[in-house]
Structure formats: C-alpha cells, structure tokens
C-alpha atoms as a PDB file:
ATOM      1  CA  MET A   1       0.000   0.000   0.000  1.00  0.00           C
ATOM      2  CA  ASN A   2       2.078   2.881  -1.257  1.00  0.00           C
ATOM      3  CA  THR A   3      -0.815   5.081  -2.341  1.00  0.00           C
ATOM      4  CA  ASP A   4      -2.577   7.366   0.096  1.00  0.00           C
ATOM      5  CA  GLY A   5      -6.080   6.226   0.985  1.00  0.00           C
ATOM      6  CA  ASP A   6      -8.240   4.214   3.378  1.00  0.00           C
ATOM      7  CA  TYR A   7      -7.926   0.443   3.116  1.00  0.00           C
ATOM      8  CA  LEU A   8     -10.050  -2.357   4.589  1.00  0.00           C
ATOM      9  CA  VAL A   9      -7.721  -4.988   6.053  1.00  0.00           C
ATOM     10  CA  THR A  10      -8.825  -8.434   7.191  1.00  0.00           C
ATOM     11  CA  TYR A  11      -6.459 -10.554   9.238  1.00  0.00           C
ATOM     12  CA  THR A  12      -6.619 -13.944  10.939  1.00  0.00           C
ATOM     13  CA  VAL A  13      -4.792 -15.002  14.093  1.00  0.00           C
ATOM     14  CA  VAL A  14      -4.216 -18.671  14.986  1.00  0.00           C
ATOM     15  CA  ASP A  15      -3.057 -19.621  18.473  1.00  0.00           C
ATOM     16  CA  THR A  16      -0.971 -22.684  19.376  1.00  0.00           C
ATOM     17  CA  ALA A  17      -4.114 -24.741  19.988  1.00  0.00           C
ATOM     18  CA  GLY A  18      -5.351 -24.060  16.475  1.00  0.00           C
ATOM     19  CA  ASN A  19      -8.060 -21.619  17.473  1.00  0.00           C
ATOM     20  CA  LYS A  20      -8.677 -18.918  14.858  1.00  0.00           C
ATOM     21  CA  SER A  21      -9.862 -15.392  15.269  1.00  0.00           C
ATOM     22  CA  THR A  22     -10.585 -13.054  12.346  1.00  0.00           C
ATOM     23  CA  ALA A  23     -10.967  -9.316  12.477  1.00  0.00           C
ATOM     24  CA  THR A  24     -11.403  -6.515   9.973  1.00  0.00           C
ATOM     25  CA  MET A  25     -10.122  -2.995  10.383  1.00  0.00           C
ATOM     26  CA  THR A  26      -9.777   0.176   8.356  1.00  0.00           C
ATOM     27  CA  VAL A  27      -6.226   1.417   7.803  1.00  0.00           C
ATOM     28  CA  SER A  28      -5.556   4.980   6.695  1.00  0.00           C
ATOM     29  CA  VAL A  29      -2.359   5.436   4.665  1.00  0.00           C
ATOM     30  CA  ARG A  30      -1.000   8.981   4.538  1.00  0.00           C
ATOM     31  CA  THR A  31       2.329  10.290   3.239  1.00  0.00           C
ATOM     32  CA  PRO A  32       4.185  12.171   6.000  1.00  0.00           C
ATOM     33  CA  GLN A  33       3.900  15.935   5.584  1.00  0.00           C
ATOM     34  CA  GLU A  34       7.668  16.390   5.286  1.00  0.00           C
ATOM     35  CA  VAL A  35       7.682  13.982   2.327  1.00  0.00           C
ATOM     36  CA  VAL A  36       4.813  15.868   0.696  1.00  0.00           C
ATOM     37  CA  ASP A  37       6.602  19.176   1.290  1.00  0.00           C
ATOM     38  CA  ALA A  38       9.838  17.812  -0.199  1.00  0.00           C
ATOM     39  CA  ARG A  39       8.015  16.593  -3.304  1.00  0.00           C
ATOM     40  CA  ILE A  40       6.312  19.963  -3.751  1.00  0.00           C
ATOM     41  CA  ALA A  41       9.604  21.825  -3.279  1.00  0.00           C
ATOM     42  CA  ALA A  42      11.366  19.564  -5.796  1.00  0.00           C
ATOM     43  CA  GLU A  43       8.632  20.119  -8.376  1.00  0.00           C
ATOM     44  CA  GLU A  44       8.681  23.880  -7.825  1.00  0.00           C
ATOM     45  CA  GLN A  45      12.478  23.881  -8.238  1.00  0.00           C
ATOM     46  CA  ARG A  46      12.183  21.849 -11.454  1.00  0.00           C
ATOM     47  CA  GLN A  47       9.614  24.310 -12.811  1.00  0.00           C
ATOM     48  CA  ARG A  48      11.824  27.291 -11.882  1.00  0.00           C
ATOM     49  CA  GLU A  49      14.849  25.737 -13.584  1.00  0.00           C
ATOM     50  CA  GLU A  50      12.792  24.939 -16.676  1.00  0.00           C
ATOM     51  CA  ALA A  51      11.475  28.518 -16.797  1.00  0.00           C
ATOM     52  CA  GLU A  52      15.006  29.922 -16.400  1.00  0.00           C
ATOM     53  CA  ARG A  53      16.325  27.629 -19.144  1.00  0.00           C
ATOM     54  CA  ALA A  54      13.487  28.632 -21.478  1.00  0.00           C
ATOM     55  CA  ALA A  55      14.074  32.327 -20.727  1.00  0.00           C
ATOM     56  CA  ALA A  56      17.813  31.964 -21.386  1.00  0.00           C
ATOM     57  CA  GLU A  57      17.136  30.195 -24.688  1.00  0.00           C
ATOM     58  CA  GLU A  58      14.670  32.894 -25.714  1.00  0.00           C
ATOM     59  CA  ALA A  59      17.148  35.641 -24.797  1.00  0.00           C
ATOM     60  CA  ALA A  60      19.852  33.884 -26.824  1.00  0.00           C
ATOM     61  CA  ARG A  61      17.495  33.593 -29.820  1.00  0.00           C
ATOM     62  CA  ALA A  62      16.579  37.271 -29.533  1.00  0.00           C
ATOM     63  CA  GLN A  63      20.251  38.274 -29.289  1.00  0.00           C
ATOM     64  CA  GLN A  64      21.094  36.129 -32.308  1.00  0.00           C
ATOM     65  CA  ALA A  65      18.232  37.670 -34.296  1.00  0.00           C
ATOM     66  CA  THR A  66      19.460  41.148 -33.373  1.00  0.00           C
ATOM     67  CA  ASN A  67      23.022  40.268 -34.338  1.00  0.00           C
ATOM     68  CA  THR A  68      21.870  38.772 -37.647  1.00  0.00           C
ATOM     69  CA  ALA A  69      19.931  41.938 -38.464  1.00  0.00           C
ATOM     70  CA  ARG A  70      22.922  44.092 -37.533  1.00  0.00           C
ATOM     71  CA  ALA A  71      25.271  41.921 -39.594  1.00  0.00           C
ATOM     72  CA  ALA A  72      23.065  42.433 -42.660  1.00  0.00           C
ATOM     73  CA  THR A  73      23.663  46.189 -42.484  1.00  0.00           C
ATOM     74  CA  SER A  74      27.409  45.986 -41.791  1.00  0.00           C
ATOM     75  CA  THR A  75      29.736  47.745 -44.224  1.00  0.00           C
ATOM     76  CA  PHE A  76      32.838  45.905 -42.990  1.00  0.00           C
ATOM     77  CA  ASP A  77      34.309  43.446 -45.500  1.00  0.00           C
ATOM     78  CA  PRO A  78      36.431  40.807 -43.708  1.00  0.00           C
ATOM     79  CA  SER A  79      37.968  39.710 -47.022  1.00  0.00           C
ATOM     80  CA  LYS A  80      39.686  43.108 -47.314  1.00  0.00           C
ATOM     81  CA  TYR A  81      41.165  42.870 -43.841  1.00  0.00           C
ATOM     82  CA  ASP A  82      44.892  42.189 -43.537  1.00  0.00           C
ATOM     83  CA  SER A  83      45.057  39.626 -40.724  1.00  0.00           C
ATOM     84  CA  SER A  84      48.859  39.603 -40.936  1.00  0.00           C
ATOM     85  CA  LEU A  85      48.731  42.842 -38.937  1.00  0.00           C
ATOM     86  CA  TYR A  86      47.839  40.752 -35.895  1.00  0.00           C
ATOM     87  CA  ALA A  87      49.859  37.625 -36.660  1.00  0.00           C
ATOM     88  CA  GLY A  88      52.320  38.424 -33.885  1.00  0.00           C
ATOM     89  CA  GLY A  89      49.565  38.839 -31.308  1.00  0.00           C
ATOM     90  CA  ILE A  90      47.889  35.616 -32.391  1.00  0.00           C
ATOM     91  CA  ALA A  91      51.178  33.721 -32.242  1.00  0.00           C
ATOM     92  CA  ALA A  92      51.865  35.120 -28.781  1.00  0.00           C
ATOM     93  CA  ALA A  93      48.430  34.058 -27.533  1.00  0.00           C
ATOM     94  CA  LEU A  94      48.791  30.557 -28.975  1.00  0.00           C
ATOM     95  CA  SER A  95      52.206  30.195 -27.350  1.00  0.00           C
ATOM     96  CA  LEU A  96      50.558  30.909 -23.993  1.00  0.00           C
ATOM     97  CA  VAL A  97      47.967  28.111 -24.212  1.00  0.00           C
ATOM     98  CA  GLY A  98      48.053  26.303 -20.878  1.00  0.00           C
ATOM     99  CA  THR A  99      48.933  29.414 -18.863  1.00  0.00           C
ATOM    100  CA  PRO A 100      46.763  29.531 -15.722  1.00  0.00           C
ATOM    101  CA  TYR A 101      43.822  31.884 -15.363  1.00  0.00           C
ATOM    102  CA  GLN A 102      44.368  34.643 -12.830  1.00  0.00           C
ATOM    103  CA  TRP A 103      41.796  37.354 -12.219  1.00  0.00           C
ATOM    104  CA  GLY A 104      43.509  40.668 -12.958  1.00  0.00           C
ATOM    105  CA  GLY A 105      46.505  38.829 -14.406  1.00  0.00           C
ATOM    106  CA  THR A 106      48.516  40.497 -17.167  1.00  0.00           C
ATOM    107  CA  THR A 107      51.688  38.364 -17.310  1.00  0.00           C
ATOM    108  CA  PRO A 108      52.637  34.806 -18.297  1.00  0.00           C
ATOM    109  CA  ALA A 109      52.362  33.926 -14.607  1.00  0.00           C
ATOM    110  CA  GLY A 110      48.580  34.151 -15.134  1.00  0.00           C
ATOM    111  CA  PHE A 111      46.056  36.044 -17.263  1.00  0.00           C
ATOM    112  CA  ASP A 112      42.454  37.075 -17.171  1.00  0.00           C
ATOM    113  CA  CYS A 113      40.712  37.524 -20.519  1.00  0.00           C
ATOM    114  CA  SER A 114      41.481  41.193 -21.123  1.00  0.00           C
ATOM    115  CA  GLY A 115      44.954  40.837 -19.616  1.00  0.00           C
ATOM    116  CA  LEU A 116      45.797  38.226 -22.262  1.00  0.00           C
ATOM    117  CA  VAL A 117      44.608  40.531 -25.059  1.00  0.00           C
ATOM    118  CA  GLN A 118      46.504  43.487 -23.615  1.00  0.00           C
ATOM    119  CA  TYR A 119      49.714  41.466 -23.290  1.00  0.00           C
ATOM    120  CA  CYS A 120      49.591  39.818 -26.720  1.00  0.00           C
ATOM    121  CA  TYR A 121      48.628  42.969 -28.622  1.00  0.00           C
ATOM    122  CA  GLY A 122      50.697  45.423 -26.581  1.00  0.00           C
ATOM    123  CA  LEU A 123      47.638  47.530 -25.810  1.00  0.00           C
ATOM    124  CA  SER A 124      47.249  50.255 -23.233  1.00  0.00           C
ATOM    125  CA  ALA A 125      43.546  49.337 -23.054  1.00  0.00           C
ATOM    126  CA  ARG A 126      43.334  47.038 -20.018  1.00  0.00           C
ATOM    127  CA  THR A 127      39.651  46.194 -19.533  1.00  0.00           C
ATOM    128  CA  THR A 128      37.052  44.577 -21.776  1.00  0.00           C
ATOM    129  CA  TYR A 129      35.178  47.881 -21.724  1.00  0.00           C
ATOM    130  CA  ALA A 130      38.225  49.795 -22.981  1.00  0.00           C
ATOM    131  CA  GLN A 131      39.033  47.111 -25.549  1.00  0.00           C
ATOM    132  CA  GLN A 132      35.538  47.025 -27.073  1.00  0.00           C
ATOM    133  CA  ALA A 133      36.005  50.702 -27.956  1.00  0.00           C
ATOM    134  CA  LEU A 134      39.027  49.947 -30.172  1.00  0.00           C
ATOM    135  CA  GLY A 135      36.870  49.548 -33.287  1.00  0.00           C
ATOM    136  CA  THR A 136      33.366  49.376 -34.716  1.00  0.00           C
ATOM    137  CA  HIS A 137      31.217  46.566 -33.386  1.00  0.00           C
ATOM    138  CA  GLN A 138      30.507  43.878 -35.999  1.00  0.00           C
ATOM    139  CA  TYR A 139      27.901  41.169 -35.467  1.00  0.00           C
ATOM    140  CA  ASP A 140      28.496  38.468 -38.068  1.00  0.00           C
ATOM    141  CA  VAL A 141      30.670  36.588 -35.589  1.00  0.00           C
ATOM    142  CA  TRP A 142      31.156  33.523 -37.802  1.00  0.00           C
ATOM    143  CA  ASN A 143      33.020  35.682 -40.319  1.00  0.00           C
ATOM    144  CA  ALA A 144      35.300  37.454 -37.871  1.00  0.00           C
ATOM    145  CA  PRO A 145      38.805  37.570 -39.344  1.00  0.00           C
ATOM    146  CA  ALA A 146      41.851  36.234 -37.549  1.00  0.00           C
ATOM    147  CA  GLY A 147      43.027  38.795 -35.043  1.00  0.00           C
ATOM    148  CA  ALA A 148      39.621  40.318 -34.368  1.00  0.00           C
ATOM    149  CA  LEU A 149      38.506  40.514 -30.755  1.00  0.00           C
ATOM    150  CA  TYR A 150      35.381  38.565 -29.783  1.00  0.00           C
ATOM    151  CA  PHE A 151      33.253  40.098 -27.042  1.00  0.00           C
ATOM    152  CA  TYR A 152      30.543  38.649 -24.825  1.00  0.00           C
ATOM    153  CA  GLY A 153      27.812  40.754 -23.264  1.00  0.00           C
ATOM    154  CA  SER A 154      26.144  43.944 -24.378  1.00  0.00           C
ATOM    155  CA  ASP A 155      27.684  46.637 -26.555  1.00  0.00           C
ATOM    156  CA  SER A 156      28.203  48.884 -23.543  1.00  0.00           C
ATOM    157  CA  ALA A 157      28.990  46.239 -20.918  1.00  0.00           C
ATOM    158  CA  PRO A 158      31.068  43.345 -22.261  1.00  0.00           C
ATOM    159  CA  TYR A 159      32.207  40.818 -19.680  1.00  0.00           C
ATOM    160  CA  HIS A 160      34.600  38.605 -21.681  1.00  0.00           C
ATOM    161  CA  VAL A 161      36.994  38.904 -24.631  1.00  0.00           C
ATOM    162  CA  GLY A 162      38.913  36.449 -26.790  1.00  0.00           C
ATOM    163  CA  ILE A 163      41.099  36.586 -29.907  1.00  0.00           C
ATOM    164  CA  ALA A 164      39.513  35.230 -33.104  1.00  0.00           C
ATOM    165  CA  LEU A 165      41.575  32.738 -35.087  1.00  0.00           C
ATOM    166  CA  GLY A 166      39.498  33.194 -38.240  1.00  0.00           C
ATOM    167  CA  ASN A 167      38.016  29.709 -38.456  1.00  0.00           C
ATOM    168  CA  GLY A 168      35.242  29.751 -35.877  1.00  0.00           C
ATOM    169  CA  THR A 169      37.686  29.305 -33.026  1.00  0.00           C
ATOM    170  CA  MET A 170      39.338  31.639 -30.583  1.00  0.00           C
ATOM    171  CA  VAL A 171      42.110  31.695 -28.024  1.00  0.00           C
ATOM    172  CA  HIS A 172      41.196  33.195 -24.655  1.00  0.00           C
ATOM    173  CA  ALA A 173      41.837  33.074 -20.928  1.00  0.00           C
ATOM    174  CA  ALA A 174      38.741  31.105 -20.041  1.00  0.00           C
ATOM    175  CA  THR A 175      38.397  29.982 -16.413  1.00  0.00           C
ATOM    176  CA  TYR A 176      40.444  28.944 -13.407  1.00  0.00           C
ATOM    177  CA  GLY A 177      39.968  25.342 -14.493  1.00  0.00           C
ATOM    178  CA  THR A 178      41.152  25.736 -18.090  1.00  0.00           C
ATOM    179  CA  GLY A 179      43.358  28.828 -18.210  1.00  0.00           C
ATOM    180  CA  VAL A 180      44.410  30.023 -21.664  1.00  0.00           C
ATOM    181  CA  THR A 181      42.860  27.705 -24.233  1.00  0.00           C
ATOM    182  CA  VAL A 182      41.668  27.419 -27.826  1.00  0.00           C
ATOM    183  CA  GLN A 183      37.920  26.944 -28.114  1.00  0.00           C
ATOM    184  CA  ASP A 184      35.306  26.564 -30.835  1.00  0.00           C
ATOM    185  CA  ILE A 185      32.842  29.460 -30.606  1.00  0.00           C
ATOM    186  CA  SER A 186      29.831  27.253 -31.390  1.00  0.00           C
ATOM    187  CA  GLY A 187      29.581  26.244 -27.745  1.00  0.00           C
ATOM    188  CA  TYR A 188      30.101  29.783 -26.454  1.00  0.00           C
ATOM    189  CA  LEU A 189      28.871  32.168 -29.155  1.00  0.00           C
ATOM    190  CA  PRO A 190      30.253  35.721 -28.949  1.00  0.00           C
ATOM    191  CA  SER A 191      27.908  38.700 -29.018  1.00  0.00           C
ATOM    192  CA  TYR A 192      30.022  40.711 -31.469  1.00  0.00           C
ATOM    193  CA  TYR A 193      33.564  41.362 -32.566  1.00  0.00           C
ATOM    194  CA  VAL A 194      35.858  44.328 -33.046  1.00  0.00           C
ATOM    195  CA  VAL A 195      38.735  44.713 -35.465  1.00  0.00           C
ATOM    196  CA  PRO A 196      41.111  47.057 -33.637  1.00  0.00           C
ATOM    197  CA  GLY A 197      41.486  50.287 -35.560  1.00  0.00           C
ATOM    198  CA  GLN A 198      38.591  49.569 -37.932  1.00  0.00           C
END
C-alpha cells in the first residue's frame, strides 16, 4: 500500500491450539507531511529551472536575431582585412595556451581575458570595456577575421573577450579550471567582434 487512501484490512490469528480469530479494520495510509513538502519543493524547483532555461534560450534567440539583423547592415568586409597585422599577437596568444587563469593577471604567470589581449597585442587598453572601444562593433561573428577581438555581453557592458583565429575558433583566458585555451565558438557564441582600428 504505497498510495494514500483508506484500506479495509482483514487478518486472521491462529493460536498454538489451532483456534482462529478473524478481524477486519480500516487502515488509513498517509504520506508524511515532510515527504509531501519535499516533493512539492522539488517540483517547484524543477519548474523554476525549466522557466530559467526557457528564458535563457529565448534571450539567446533574440540576441542572435538582433546580431543577424545588424550583420546584414554591416559595411565591414572581412575579405579586405589584412590579418597579418595581428599575426604576432595571435602567435603570442597561442604560445601561452596552458597558462593559468588569474583574475587581474597580465603576465605569463597568469592572465584574465582582457589581460591576455593586452599582453599579446601590446595595448594600453586594459579592460574589456576599454578594448571594445578599439573599433566598430561587428555582429556576423562567424566571419570574424583572424586577429579580431570577440566580445561577450552587451555593446556597452562586455564581460569577456577572446582573440579570433578566423576559423570559428578563438584563443582566450577562459576559467580557473582551463586557463588560456583554444575553443570553438559554437559552444560559447560571442555577441560581437571588433577589429582594432577599424
């Protein structure tokens, strides 16, 4: 009886002399309140997580639609961009793959995302906010040329930056667990990119 309800139970008792006695009783089965509360809380949590996931997916779709519309009006032609201008910076970043992540880090002892960009490109611009102002924002992120800077977040408040390698990948100082690494952007799609000086 694992379902709440009232059950009619009949039982028989036999003593050592063989005498039988039968009785019937009603048994009420109820789930303890703490179990009920836990089930309700778990379901509410599941619904919250599902709503948050759906909202995040919708926000990502809306951002992608905005970026697609912006990309359609872009006047920047990646094919006319000379990526050799940033070959040294790209090579420097790739040589640092495996360097640990360090918040605020700007040296090979450890980098954060904007510290890596500053070091490899020899920039005075230290923060993601300062670095996003180095060029016009472009939104067709799949066509970002090698050497462009990928940004994550809004136009006015980026929170992460990486260096495009020109083939749908980037090198960036990711997390404490991974440090400086090369990553495909399909799993972590940038919001826009900037070609410094363009």
